[in-house]
Amino acid sequence: MASSQRSQSCEGSSFSQDARFSHILQNVLLNANLCKLVSFLLHKYQKKEQVTMKEMLHVLPHDYRNNFPLNFWEPCESMYLDFGIKIRKVNLSGNTYELVPILGLTYSGMLDGNVERIIFKIDIIIFVLSLIFTEGNRISEEDLTEKVKRWDMLAQSRSIHFEEAWKFITEDLVQEEYVMYQQIPNSDPARYEFLRGLRAHAETSKVKLLGSYGPS
């Protein structure tokens, strides 16, 4: 699709999971301008504020602004692929946009840190919840451990390792009630499993999550 056709709208975007992981590394982490803009957009999202084209241009350096309207699809794809957030025009005649959580996930309290860490946090939330859904609404600790170790996101990252991912799952996601960690009933010796937490039940559904972000 030509850039001019993608420049002013993010509606109707559809991407494979492989393209998504590739995009994370190539178009965000390796692009300083896009990285800065994504940080700004996430800040707007957290504050539940709309954003204008003028505000986005103000974040970018002068030598990048002239071509930005033609390349607007880049932050659109990044927000969609990396965070499950759609950039949508508020009205057809203006240049004001709203940030819509297409998966229902708010990520409130989870978006601290640099862009790489934020991407990691959100991707692991989506990855773990998708696995729980596809495994019959629960997954054993042993199975989840093996799947996280083989996860593409970790394989492609030079700075994020299994230990950090596992700590985030077992501590942060449990504390934030995205997942619940409990003993498997009647297991002897004791074995443990992960289920959706109260917050995941409230914010998203199987249809929303697996429609675009089912695990490979």
N, C-alpha and C. Protein backbone atom coordinates (compact mmCIF):
# COMPACT_ATOMS: atom_id res chain seq x y z
N MET A 1 0.84 -1.19 0.00
CA MET A 1 0.00 0.00 0.00
C MET A 1 0.88 1.24 0.00
N ALA A 2 0.58 2.22 -0.82
CA ALA A 2 1.39 3.43 -0.92
C ALA A 2 1.26 4.25 0.34
N SER A 3 2.35 5.01 0.67
CA SER A 3 2.33 5.83 1.87
C SER A 3 1.21 6.84 1.84
N SER A 4 0.93 7.44 0.67
CA SER A 4 -0.11 8.45 0.58
C SER A 4 -1.47 7.89 0.94
N GLN A 5 -1.68 6.60 0.71
CA GLN A 5 -2.96 5.98 1.04
C GLN A 5 -3.09 5.70 2.53
N ARG A 6 -1.94 5.64 3.21
CA ARG A 6 -1.97 5.30 4.63
C ARG A 6 -1.78 6.51 5.51
N SER A 7 -1.53 7.69 4.94
CA SER A 7 -1.00 8.81 5.70
C SER A 7 -1.94 9.36 6.75
N GLN A 8 -3.25 9.36 6.51
CA GLN A 8 -4.16 10.04 7.43
C GLN A 8 -5.10 9.13 8.18
N SER A 9 -4.92 7.81 8.11
CA SER A 9 -5.86 6.93 8.81
C SER A 9 -5.18 5.66 9.23
N CYS A 10 -5.59 5.17 10.41
CA CYS A 10 -5.10 3.88 10.88
C CYS A 10 -6.22 2.87 10.88
N GLU A 11 -7.36 3.21 10.30
CA GLU A 11 -8.51 2.32 10.34
C GLU A 11 -8.27 1.09 9.47
N GLY A 12 -8.78 -0.06 9.93
CA GLY A 12 -8.76 -1.26 9.12
C GLY A 12 -7.41 -1.93 9.01
N SER A 13 -6.44 -1.56 9.87
CA SER A 13 -5.12 -2.18 9.79
C SER A 13 -5.18 -3.62 10.27
N SER A 14 -4.42 -4.50 9.61
CA SER A 14 -4.37 -5.90 10.00
C SER A 14 -2.98 -6.42 9.75
N PHE A 15 -2.33 -7.02 10.78
CA PHE A 15 -0.95 -7.42 10.67
C PHE A 15 -0.74 -8.80 11.27
N SER A 16 0.19 -9.54 10.69
CA SER A 16 0.52 -10.85 11.24
C SER A 16 1.37 -10.68 12.48
N GLN A 17 1.44 -11.72 13.30
CA GLN A 17 2.24 -11.64 14.52
C GLN A 17 3.73 -11.54 14.20
N ASP A 18 4.19 -12.23 13.16
CA ASP A 18 5.60 -12.13 12.79
C ASP A 18 5.96 -10.71 12.41
N ALA A 19 5.10 -10.06 11.63
CA ALA A 19 5.35 -8.68 11.24
C ALA A 19 5.38 -7.79 12.48
N ARG A 20 4.55 -8.12 13.44
CA ARG A 20 4.47 -7.32 14.67
C ARG A 20 5.79 -7.34 15.43
N PHE A 21 6.35 -8.52 15.66
CA PHE A 21 7.61 -8.60 16.40
C PHE A 21 8.74 -7.91 15.65
N SER A 22 8.78 -8.09 14.33
CA SER A 22 9.80 -7.45 13.52
C SER A 22 9.67 -5.93 13.60
N HIS A 23 8.44 -5.47 13.56
CA HIS A 23 8.17 -4.04 13.61
C HIS A 23 8.65 -3.43 14.92
N ILE A 24 8.43 -4.11 16.02
CA ILE A 24 8.84 -3.61 17.33
C ILE A 24 10.31 -3.23 17.32
N LEU A 25 11.16 -4.13 16.82
CA LEU A 25 12.59 -3.91 16.85
C LEU A 25 13.06 -2.90 15.82
N GLN A 26 12.53 -2.99 14.62
CA GLN A 26 13.03 -2.18 13.53
C GLN A 26 12.49 -0.76 13.52
N ASN A 27 11.18 -0.59 13.73
CA ASN A 27 10.56 0.72 13.54
C ASN A 27 10.43 1.55 14.80
N VAL A 28 10.58 0.96 15.95
CA VAL A 28 10.47 1.73 17.19
C VAL A 28 11.83 1.85 17.87
N LEU A 29 12.38 0.74 18.30
CA LEU A 29 13.61 0.77 19.09
C LEU A 29 14.79 1.32 18.30
N LEU A 30 14.78 1.16 16.97
CA LEU A 30 15.89 1.61 16.15
C LEU A 30 15.61 2.95 15.47
N ASN A 31 14.50 3.58 15.76
CA ASN A 31 14.13 4.85 15.17
C ASN A 31 13.92 5.86 16.29
N ALA A 32 14.89 6.74 16.50
CA ALA A 32 14.85 7.66 17.64
C ALA A 32 13.66 8.60 17.57
N ASN A 33 13.32 9.06 16.35
CA ASN A 33 12.19 9.99 16.21
C ASN A 33 10.88 9.30 16.54
N LEU A 34 10.69 8.09 16.01
CA LEU A 34 9.47 7.35 16.28
C LEU A 34 9.39 6.97 17.76
N CYS A 35 10.52 6.63 18.33
CA CYS A 35 10.58 6.26 19.74
C CYS A 35 10.11 7.43 20.62
N LYS A 36 10.57 8.62 20.29
CA LYS A 36 10.18 9.81 21.06
C LYS A 36 8.69 10.09 20.90
N LEU A 37 8.17 9.94 19.69
CA LEU A 37 6.77 10.20 19.45
C LEU A 37 5.88 9.18 20.15
N VAL A 38 6.28 7.91 20.12
CA VAL A 38 5.52 6.86 20.80
C VAL A 38 5.45 7.14 22.30
N SER A 39 6.55 7.58 22.88
CA SER A 39 6.54 7.92 24.30
C SER A 39 5.53 9.02 24.59
N PHE A 40 5.50 10.02 23.71
CA PHE A 40 4.55 11.12 23.86
C PHE A 40 3.11 10.63 23.75
N LEU A 41 2.84 9.76 22.78
CA LEU A 41 1.49 9.24 22.58
C LEU A 41 1.04 8.38 23.76
N LEU A 42 1.96 7.60 24.31
CA LEU A 42 1.62 6.80 25.48
C LEU A 42 1.30 7.68 26.68
N HIS A 43 2.03 8.79 26.80
CA HIS A 43 1.73 9.74 27.88
C HIS A 43 0.32 10.31 27.71
N LYS A 44 -0.05 10.64 26.48
CA LYS A 44 -1.40 11.12 26.20
C LYS A 44 -2.43 10.04 26.52
N TYR A 45 -2.11 8.82 26.16
CA TYR A 45 -3.03 7.70 26.41
C TYR A 45 -3.27 7.51 27.91
N GLN A 46 -2.20 7.57 28.68
CA GLN A 46 -2.33 7.41 30.13
C GLN A 46 -3.21 8.51 30.74
N LYS A 47 -3.12 9.72 30.18
CA LYS A 47 -3.90 10.84 30.70
C LYS A 47 -5.29 10.91 30.08
N LYS A 48 -5.59 9.96 29.15
CA LYS A 48 -6.88 9.90 28.47
C LYS A 48 -7.18 11.20 27.73
N GLU A 49 -6.14 11.73 27.07
CA GLU A 49 -6.26 12.97 26.32
C GLU A 49 -6.24 12.71 24.82
N GLN A 50 -6.92 13.56 24.07
CA GLN A 50 -6.81 13.53 22.62
C GLN A 50 -5.50 14.20 22.21
N VAL A 51 -5.11 14.00 20.96
CA VAL A 51 -3.85 14.56 20.48
C VAL A 51 -4.07 15.16 19.10
N THR A 52 -3.41 16.26 18.81
CA THR A 52 -3.54 16.91 17.51
C THR A 52 -2.30 16.65 16.67
N MET A 53 -2.44 16.82 15.36
CA MET A 53 -1.29 16.69 14.48
C MET A 53 -0.23 17.73 14.83
N LYS A 54 -0.66 18.92 15.21
CA LYS A 54 0.27 19.98 15.60
C LYS A 54 1.12 19.56 16.79
N GLU A 55 0.48 18.90 17.77
CA GLU A 55 1.22 18.44 18.95
C GLU A 55 2.24 17.38 18.58
N MET A 56 1.84 16.47 17.70
CA MET A 56 2.77 15.42 17.28
C MET A 56 3.96 16.00 16.52
N LEU A 57 3.69 16.97 15.64
CA LEU A 57 4.78 17.61 14.88
C LEU A 57 5.74 18.35 15.82
N HIS A 58 5.19 18.91 16.89
CA HIS A 58 6.01 19.66 17.83
C HIS A 58 7.02 18.76 18.55
N VAL A 59 6.69 17.50 18.70
CA VAL A 59 7.59 16.55 19.37
C VAL A 59 8.78 16.20 18.48
N LEU A 60 8.60 16.28 17.17
CA LEU A 60 9.60 15.82 16.21
C LEU A 60 10.60 16.92 15.85
N PRO A 61 11.84 16.56 15.48
CA PRO A 61 12.82 17.56 15.03
C PRO A 61 12.37 18.17 13.70
N HIS A 62 12.88 19.37 13.41
CA HIS A 62 12.45 20.12 12.23
C HIS A 62 12.68 19.34 10.94
N ASP A 63 13.81 18.64 10.82
CA ASP A 63 14.12 17.96 9.56
C ASP A 63 13.25 16.72 9.33
N TYR A 64 12.47 16.33 10.34
CA TYR A 64 11.60 15.16 10.21
C TYR A 64 10.14 15.56 9.97
N ARG A 65 9.82 16.82 10.22
CA ARG A 65 8.41 17.24 10.20
C ARG A 65 7.81 17.28 8.80
N ASN A 66 8.61 17.71 7.81
CA ASN A 66 8.05 17.91 6.47
C ASN A 66 7.43 16.64 5.89
N ASN A 67 8.07 15.50 6.12
CA ASN A 67 7.58 14.24 5.57
C ASN A 67 6.65 13.48 6.50
N PHE A 68 6.48 13.99 7.72
CA PHE A 68 5.71 13.23 8.70
C PHE A 68 4.27 12.96 8.29
N PRO A 69 3.54 13.96 7.74
CA PRO A 69 2.15 13.64 7.35
C PRO A 69 2.05 12.47 6.39
N LEU A 70 3.05 12.29 5.52
CA LEU A 70 3.03 11.16 4.60
C LEU A 70 3.42 9.86 5.28
N ASN A 71 4.13 9.99 6.39
CA ASN A 71 4.60 8.80 7.12
C ASN A 71 3.83 8.58 8.42
N PHE A 72 2.64 9.16 8.50
CA PHE A 72 1.84 9.05 9.72
C PHE A 72 1.45 7.61 10.01
N TRP A 73 1.45 6.76 8.99
CA TRP A 73 1.13 5.35 9.19
C TRP A 73 2.14 4.67 10.13
N GLU A 74 3.37 5.20 10.23
CA GLU A 74 4.36 4.57 11.10
C GLU A 74 3.97 4.59 12.57
N PRO A 75 3.67 5.75 13.16
CA PRO A 75 3.21 5.71 14.56
C PRO A 75 1.87 5.00 14.71
N CYS A 76 1.01 5.07 13.67
CA CYS A 76 -0.27 4.35 13.73
C CYS A 76 -0.03 2.85 13.88
N GLU A 77 0.83 2.30 13.03
CA GLU A 77 1.13 0.87 13.07
C GLU A 77 1.82 0.50 14.38
N SER A 78 2.73 1.37 14.83
CA SER A 78 3.45 1.09 16.06
C SER A 78 2.51 1.01 17.25
N MET A 79 1.61 1.97 17.37
CA MET A 79 0.68 1.97 18.49
C MET A 79 -0.27 0.77 18.40
N TYR A 80 -0.66 0.42 17.16
CA TYR A 80 -1.57 -0.72 16.98
C TYR A 80 -0.87 -2.04 17.28
N LEU A 81 0.32 -2.22 16.69
CA LEU A 81 1.02 -3.49 16.81
C LEU A 81 1.63 -3.70 18.19
N ASP A 82 2.25 -2.66 18.71
CA ASP A 82 3.00 -2.82 19.94
C ASP A 82 2.16 -2.70 21.21
N PHE A 83 1.04 -1.97 21.12
CA PHE A 83 0.28 -1.68 22.33
C PHE A 83 -1.21 -1.99 22.23
N GLY A 84 -1.69 -2.36 21.05
CA GLY A 84 -3.12 -2.60 20.90
C GLY A 84 -3.92 -1.33 21.06
N ILE A 85 -3.35 -0.20 20.60
CA ILE A 85 -4.02 1.09 20.71
C ILE A 85 -4.18 1.67 19.30
N LYS A 86 -5.39 2.03 18.95
CA LYS A 86 -5.65 2.59 17.62
C LYS A 86 -5.68 4.12 17.70
N ILE A 87 -5.00 4.76 16.73
CA ILE A 87 -5.07 6.21 16.59
C ILE A 87 -6.20 6.50 15.62
N ARG A 88 -7.24 7.17 16.09
CA ARG A 88 -8.44 7.37 15.28
C ARG A 88 -8.84 8.83 15.25
N LYS A 89 -9.15 9.32 14.04
CA LYS A 89 -9.58 10.70 13.90
C LYS A 89 -10.87 10.95 14.66
N VAL A 90 -10.93 12.09 15.34
CA VAL A 90 -12.14 12.46 16.06
C VAL A 90 -13.21 12.92 15.08
N ASN A 91 -12.80 13.65 14.05
CA ASN A 91 -13.74 14.06 13.00
C ASN A 91 -12.99 14.11 11.67
N LEU A 92 -13.71 13.97 10.60
CA LEU A 92 -13.09 13.87 9.28
C LEU A 92 -12.45 15.16 8.83
N SER A 93 -12.95 16.30 9.29
CA SER A 93 -12.45 17.57 8.80
C SER A 93 -11.27 18.12 9.61
N GLY A 94 -11.03 17.58 10.80
CA GLY A 94 -9.99 18.13 11.65
C GLY A 94 -8.75 17.27 11.70
N ASN A 95 -7.78 17.71 12.52
CA ASN A 95 -6.54 16.98 12.72
C ASN A 95 -6.38 16.59 14.18
N THR A 96 -7.48 16.23 14.80
CA THR A 96 -7.47 15.79 16.19
C THR A 96 -7.76 14.30 16.24
N TYR A 97 -7.02 13.58 17.09
CA TYR A 97 -7.11 12.13 17.15
C TYR A 97 -7.35 11.67 18.58
N GLU A 98 -7.96 10.50 18.70
CA GLU A 98 -8.13 9.87 20.01
C GLU A 98 -7.39 8.53 20.00
N LEU A 99 -6.97 8.11 21.17
CA LEU A 99 -6.23 6.87 21.33
C LEU A 99 -7.15 5.82 21.94
N VAL A 100 -7.52 4.84 21.13
CA VAL A 100 -8.55 3.87 21.50
C VAL A 100 -7.94 2.52 21.83
N PRO A 101 -8.19 1.98 23.03
CA PRO A 101 -7.66 0.66 23.40
C PRO A 101 -8.48 -0.46 22.76
N ILE A 102 -8.04 -0.97 21.61
CA ILE A 102 -8.84 -1.94 20.87
C ILE A 102 -8.97 -3.28 21.59
N LEU A 103 -8.05 -3.60 22.49
CA LEU A 103 -8.13 -4.85 23.23
C LEU A 103 -8.88 -4.69 24.55
N GLY A 104 -9.16 -3.45 24.92
CA GLY A 104 -9.82 -3.20 26.19
C GLY A 104 -8.85 -3.02 27.34
N LEU A 105 -7.60 -3.40 27.14
CA LEU A 105 -6.60 -3.32 28.21
C LEU A 105 -6.18 -1.88 28.44
N THR A 106 -6.20 -1.43 29.70
CA THR A 106 -5.86 -0.05 30.01
C THR A 106 -4.37 0.13 30.27
N TYR A 107 -3.71 -0.89 30.80
CA TYR A 107 -2.29 -0.84 31.18
C TYR A 107 -2.02 0.21 32.25
N SER A 108 -3.04 0.69 32.91
CA SER A 108 -2.87 1.73 33.93
C SER A 108 -1.88 1.27 34.99
N GLY A 109 -0.89 2.12 35.25
CA GLY A 109 0.13 1.80 36.23
C GLY A 109 1.24 0.90 35.72
N MET A 110 1.19 0.55 34.42
CA MET A 110 2.17 -0.40 33.88
C MET A 110 3.08 0.23 32.83
N LEU A 111 2.93 1.53 32.56
CA LEU A 111 3.64 2.14 31.44
C LEU A 111 4.80 3.03 31.87
N ASP A 112 5.42 2.71 32.99
CA ASP A 112 6.59 3.45 33.43
C ASP A 112 7.85 2.88 32.76
N GLY A 113 8.87 3.73 32.60
CA GLY A 113 10.13 3.27 32.03
C GLY A 113 10.30 3.74 30.60
N ASN A 114 11.41 3.30 29.96
CA ASN A 114 11.66 3.70 28.58
C ASN A 114 10.78 2.88 27.64
N VAL A 115 10.81 3.25 26.36
CA VAL A 115 9.90 2.62 25.40
C VAL A 115 10.15 1.12 25.29
N GLU A 116 11.41 0.69 25.31
CA GLU A 116 11.69 -0.74 25.20
C GLU A 116 11.06 -1.51 26.36
N ARG A 117 11.16 -0.97 27.57
CA ARG A 117 10.58 -1.65 28.73
C ARG A 117 9.05 -1.63 28.67
N ILE A 118 8.49 -0.54 28.19
CA ILE A 118 7.03 -0.46 28.07
C ILE A 118 6.53 -1.47 27.05
N ILE A 119 7.21 -1.56 25.90
CA ILE A 119 6.84 -2.55 24.88
C ILE A 119 6.90 -3.95 25.48
N PHE A 120 7.96 -4.23 26.20
CA PHE A 120 8.13 -5.54 26.84
C PHE A 120 6.98 -5.84 27.79
N LYS A 121 6.61 -4.87 28.62
CA LYS A 121 5.54 -5.09 29.60
C LYS A 121 4.21 -5.38 28.91
N ILE A 122 3.87 -4.55 27.93
CA ILE A 122 2.59 -4.73 27.26
C ILE A 122 2.55 -6.02 26.46
N ASP A 123 3.64 -6.33 25.77
CA ASP A 123 3.66 -7.56 24.99
C ASP A 123 3.54 -8.80 25.87
N ILE A 124 4.15 -8.76 27.03
CA ILE A 124 4.07 -9.95 27.88
C ILE A 124 2.67 -10.07 28.49
N ILE A 125 2.00 -8.95 28.77
CA ILE A 125 0.61 -9.02 29.23
C ILE A 125 -0.25 -9.71 28.18
N ILE A 126 -0.12 -9.24 26.93
CA ILE A 126 -0.91 -9.80 25.83
C ILE A 126 -0.56 -11.27 25.61
N PHE A 127 0.73 -11.59 25.64
CA PHE A 127 1.20 -12.95 25.40
C PHE A 127 0.66 -13.92 26.45
N VAL A 128 0.79 -13.56 27.72
CA VAL A 128 0.37 -14.45 28.80
C VAL A 128 -1.15 -14.62 28.81
N LEU A 129 -1.90 -13.54 28.65
CA LEU A 129 -3.36 -13.65 28.64
C LEU A 129 -3.84 -14.47 27.44
N SER A 130 -3.18 -14.30 26.29
CA SER A 130 -3.54 -15.09 25.11
C SER A 130 -3.31 -16.58 25.36
N LEU A 131 -2.19 -16.92 26.00
CA LEU A 131 -1.91 -18.32 26.33
C LEU A 131 -2.95 -18.89 27.28
N ILE A 132 -3.31 -18.11 28.28
CA ILE A 132 -4.33 -18.59 29.23
C ILE A 132 -5.63 -18.89 28.50
N PHE A 133 -6.03 -18.00 27.60
CA PHE A 133 -7.25 -18.23 26.83
C PHE A 133 -7.16 -19.49 25.98
N THR A 134 -6.05 -19.65 25.25
CA THR A 134 -5.94 -20.77 24.32
C THR A 134 -5.74 -22.11 25.02
N GLU A 135 -5.31 -22.07 26.28
CA GLU A 135 -5.09 -23.31 27.02
C GLU A 135 -6.30 -23.68 27.87
N GLY A 136 -7.44 -23.09 27.60
CA GLY A 136 -8.66 -23.45 28.35
C GLY A 136 -8.85 -22.64 29.61
N ASN A 137 -8.42 -21.37 29.57
CA ASN A 137 -8.60 -20.41 30.66
C ASN A 137 -7.68 -20.64 31.86
N ARG A 138 -6.69 -21.51 31.69
CA ARG A 138 -5.69 -21.72 32.73
C ARG A 138 -4.48 -22.37 32.10
N ILE A 139 -3.31 -22.13 32.67
CA ILE A 139 -2.09 -22.75 32.16
C ILE A 139 -1.19 -23.08 33.34
N SER A 140 -0.60 -24.28 33.33
CA SER A 140 0.25 -24.69 34.45
C SER A 140 1.53 -23.87 34.47
N GLU A 141 2.13 -23.78 35.64
CA GLU A 141 3.39 -23.05 35.79
C GLU A 141 4.47 -23.64 34.90
N GLU A 142 4.51 -24.97 34.80
CA GLU A 142 5.53 -25.62 33.96
C GLU A 142 5.36 -25.27 32.49
N ASP A 143 4.12 -25.32 32.00
CA ASP A 143 3.87 -25.00 30.59
C ASP A 143 4.17 -23.54 30.28
N LEU A 144 3.76 -22.64 31.17
CA LEU A 144 4.01 -21.23 30.92
C LEU A 144 5.51 -20.93 30.94
N THR A 145 6.24 -21.57 31.85
CA THR A 145 7.69 -21.38 31.90
C THR A 145 8.34 -21.73 30.57
N GLU A 146 7.97 -22.88 30.01
CA GLU A 146 8.57 -23.32 28.75
C GLU A 146 8.18 -22.41 27.59
N LYS A 147 6.94 -21.95 27.57
CA LYS A 147 6.50 -21.09 26.47
C LYS A 147 7.16 -19.72 26.54
N VAL A 148 7.35 -19.19 27.73
CA VAL A 148 8.04 -17.91 27.87
C VAL A 148 9.49 -18.03 27.44
N LYS A 149 10.13 -19.14 27.79
CA LYS A 149 11.53 -19.34 27.40
C LYS A 149 11.69 -19.40 25.88
N ARG A 150 10.66 -19.89 25.17
CA ARG A 150 10.73 -20.00 23.71
C ARG A 150 10.09 -18.80 22.99
N TRP A 151 9.68 -17.81 23.74
CA TRP A 151 8.95 -16.67 23.19
C TRP A 151 9.82 -15.86 22.24
N ASP A 152 9.26 -15.52 21.08
CA ASP A 152 10.00 -14.76 20.07
C ASP A 152 10.52 -13.43 20.59
N MET A 153 9.72 -12.75 21.40
CA MET A 153 10.11 -11.43 21.91
C MET A 153 11.42 -11.51 22.68
N LEU A 154 11.58 -12.54 23.48
CA LEU A 154 12.83 -12.69 24.25
C LEU A 154 13.98 -13.08 23.34
N ALA A 155 13.70 -13.92 22.35
CA ALA A 155 14.75 -14.37 21.44
C ALA A 155 15.32 -13.19 20.64
N GLN A 156 14.49 -12.19 20.34
CA GLN A 156 14.92 -11.06 19.52
C GLN A 156 15.48 -9.90 20.33
N SER A 157 15.31 -9.94 21.64
CA SER A 157 15.79 -8.84 22.47
C SER A 157 17.18 -9.12 23.01
N ARG A 158 18.03 -8.10 22.97
CA ARG A 158 19.39 -8.23 23.50
C ARG A 158 19.49 -7.86 24.97
N SER A 159 18.46 -7.16 25.49
CA SER A 159 18.57 -6.64 26.85
C SER A 159 17.56 -7.22 27.82
N ILE A 160 16.55 -7.93 27.32
CA ILE A 160 15.52 -8.49 28.19
C ILE A 160 15.64 -10.01 28.20
N HIS A 161 15.73 -10.60 29.36
CA HIS A 161 15.97 -12.03 29.49
C HIS A 161 14.83 -12.72 30.24
N PHE A 162 14.88 -14.04 30.24
CA PHE A 162 13.80 -14.82 30.84
C PHE A 162 13.56 -14.44 32.30
N GLU A 163 14.62 -14.27 33.07
CA GLU A 163 14.47 -13.98 34.49
C GLU A 163 13.65 -12.71 34.72
N GLU A 164 13.91 -11.69 33.91
CA GLU A 164 13.16 -10.44 34.05
C GLU A 164 11.70 -10.64 33.65
N ALA A 165 11.48 -11.38 32.57
CA ALA A 165 10.11 -11.65 32.12
C ALA A 165 9.35 -12.44 33.18
N TRP A 166 9.97 -13.45 33.74
CA TRP A 166 9.30 -14.30 34.73
C TRP A 166 8.98 -13.52 36.00
N LYS A 167 9.89 -12.65 36.42
CA LYS A 167 9.66 -11.81 37.59
C LYS A 167 8.48 -10.87 37.35
N PHE A 168 8.39 -10.33 36.15
CA PHE A 168 7.29 -9.43 35.81
C PHE A 168 5.95 -10.18 35.86
N ILE A 169 5.93 -11.41 35.38
CA ILE A 169 4.70 -12.21 35.38
C ILE A 169 4.28 -12.56 36.80
N THR A 170 5.21 -13.12 37.56
CA THR A 170 4.86 -13.68 38.87
C THR A 170 4.70 -12.63 39.96
N GLU A 171 5.27 -11.44 39.75
CA GLU A 171 5.13 -10.39 40.75
C GLU A 171 4.21 -9.26 40.28
N ASP A 172 4.60 -8.58 39.22
CA ASP A 172 3.84 -7.39 38.77
C ASP A 172 2.44 -7.76 38.27
N LEU A 173 2.35 -8.76 37.39
CA LEU A 173 1.05 -9.10 36.82
C LEU A 173 0.10 -9.68 37.87
N VAL A 174 0.65 -10.39 38.82
CA VAL A 174 -0.18 -10.91 39.92
C VAL A 174 -0.63 -9.75 40.82
N GLN A 175 0.29 -8.86 41.14
CA GLN A 175 -0.05 -7.71 42.00
C GLN A 175 -1.08 -6.80 41.33
N GLU A 176 -0.95 -6.60 40.01
CA GLU A 176 -1.88 -5.74 39.29
C GLU A 176 -3.17 -6.46 38.91
N GLU A 177 -3.28 -7.73 39.27
CA GLU A 177 -4.48 -8.55 39.07
C GLU A 177 -4.80 -8.81 37.60
N TYR A 178 -3.76 -8.80 36.76
CA TYR A 178 -3.96 -9.25 35.38
C TYR A 178 -3.96 -10.78 35.34
N VAL A 179 -3.20 -11.42 36.22
CA VAL A 179 -3.24 -12.87 36.32
C VAL A 179 -3.39 -13.28 37.78
N MET A 180 -3.85 -14.50 37.98
CA MET A 180 -3.98 -15.08 39.31
C MET A 180 -3.13 -16.34 39.36
N TYR A 181 -2.40 -16.51 40.44
CA TYR A 181 -1.48 -17.64 40.62
C TYR A 181 -1.98 -18.47 41.78
N GLN A 182 -2.26 -19.76 41.54
CA GLN A 182 -2.82 -20.59 42.60
C GLN A 182 -2.37 -22.04 42.44
N GLN A 183 -2.52 -22.80 43.55
CA GLN A 183 -2.22 -24.22 43.50
C GLN A 183 -3.28 -24.95 42.70
N ILE A 184 -2.85 -25.90 41.87
CA ILE A 184 -3.79 -26.73 41.12
C ILE A 184 -4.53 -27.61 42.12
N PRO A 185 -5.85 -27.61 42.12
CA PRO A 185 -6.63 -28.38 43.11
C PRO A 185 -6.23 -29.86 43.14
N ASN A 186 -6.07 -30.37 44.34
CA ASN A 186 -5.78 -31.78 44.58
C ASN A 186 -4.43 -32.26 44.04
N SER A 187 -3.53 -31.34 43.71
CA SER A 187 -2.21 -31.75 43.23
C SER A 187 -1.32 -32.12 44.41
N ASP A 188 -0.67 -33.24 44.32
CA ASP A 188 0.21 -33.73 45.39
C ASP A 188 1.32 -34.58 44.76
N PRO A 189 2.56 -34.07 44.74
CA PRO A 189 3.01 -32.80 45.34
C PRO A 189 2.37 -31.59 44.67
N ALA A 190 2.42 -30.48 45.39
CA ALA A 190 1.73 -29.27 44.94
C ALA A 190 2.28 -28.77 43.61
N ARG A 191 1.37 -28.47 42.67
CA ARG A 191 1.70 -27.83 41.41
C ARG A 191 0.85 -26.58 41.30
N TYR A 192 1.32 -25.64 40.49
CA TYR A 192 0.66 -24.34 40.44
C TYR A 192 0.27 -23.96 39.01
N GLU A 193 -0.68 -23.03 38.90
CA GLU A 193 -1.19 -22.62 37.59
C GLU A 193 -1.51 -21.13 37.60
N PHE A 194 -1.67 -20.60 36.38
CA PHE A 194 -2.02 -19.19 36.19
C PHE A 194 -3.39 -19.11 35.54
N LEU A 195 -4.23 -18.19 36.01
CA LEU A 195 -5.54 -17.91 35.45
C LEU A 195 -5.66 -16.40 35.23
N ARG A 196 -6.70 -15.99 34.52
CA ARG A 196 -6.98 -14.56 34.39
C ARG A 196 -7.30 -13.97 35.75
N GLY A 197 -6.76 -12.79 36.00
CA GLY A 197 -7.08 -12.09 37.23
C GLY A 197 -8.33 -11.23 37.08
N LEU A 198 -8.74 -10.60 38.17
CA LEU A 198 -9.95 -9.78 38.16
C LEU A 198 -9.87 -8.64 37.16
N ARG A 199 -8.70 -8.05 37.04
CA ARG A 199 -8.54 -6.92 36.13
C ARG A 199 -8.65 -7.36 34.67
N ALA A 200 -8.09 -8.51 34.34
CA ALA A 200 -8.20 -9.04 32.97
C ALA A 200 -9.65 -9.36 32.65
N HIS A 201 -10.38 -9.93 33.60
CA HIS A 201 -11.80 -10.21 33.40
C HIS A 201 -12.58 -8.93 33.11
N ALA A 202 -12.21 -7.84 33.81
CA ALA A 202 -12.94 -6.59 33.67
C ALA A 202 -12.62 -5.85 32.38
N GLU A 203 -11.37 -5.98 31.90
CA GLU A 203 -10.92 -5.13 30.80
C GLU A 203 -11.01 -5.75 29.41
N THR A 204 -10.89 -7.07 29.28
CA THR A 204 -10.82 -7.65 27.95
C THR A 204 -11.58 -8.97 27.89
N SER A 205 -11.58 -9.57 26.70
CA SER A 205 -12.27 -10.84 26.49
C SER A 205 -11.47 -11.69 25.53
N LYS A 206 -11.83 -12.96 25.42
CA LYS A 206 -11.15 -13.88 24.51
C LYS A 206 -11.28 -13.42 23.07
N VAL A 207 -12.45 -12.95 22.69
CA VAL A 207 -12.67 -12.51 21.31
C VAL A 207 -11.78 -11.31 20.97
N LYS A 208 -11.71 -10.33 21.87
CA LYS A 208 -10.88 -9.16 21.62
C LYS A 208 -9.40 -9.52 21.53
N LEU A 209 -8.94 -10.32 22.46
CA LEU A 209 -7.52 -10.60 22.57
C LEU A 209 -7.02 -11.52 21.47
N LEU A 210 -7.71 -12.60 21.21
CA LEU A 210 -7.23 -13.57 20.23
C LEU A 210 -7.51 -13.15 18.80
N GLY A 211 -8.40 -12.17 18.61
CA GLY A 211 -8.69 -11.71 17.27
C GLY A 211 -7.48 -11.16 16.56
N SER A 212 -6.59 -10.49 17.31
CA SER A 212 -5.39 -9.91 16.69
C SER A 212 -4.09 -10.38 17.31
N TYR A 213 -4.14 -10.94 18.53
CA TYR A 213 -2.90 -11.17 19.26
C TYR A 213 -2.75 -12.58 19.80
N GLY A 214 -3.37 -13.56 19.16
CA GLY A 214 -3.19 -14.93 19.62
C GLY A 214 -1.75 -15.36 19.51
N PRO A 215 -1.23 -16.15 20.46
CA PRO A 215 0.15 -16.57 20.45
C PRO A 215 0.44 -17.52 19.31
N SER A 216 1.70 -17.54 18.86
CA SER A 216 2.09 -18.44 17.77
C SER A 216 2.29 -19.83 18.32
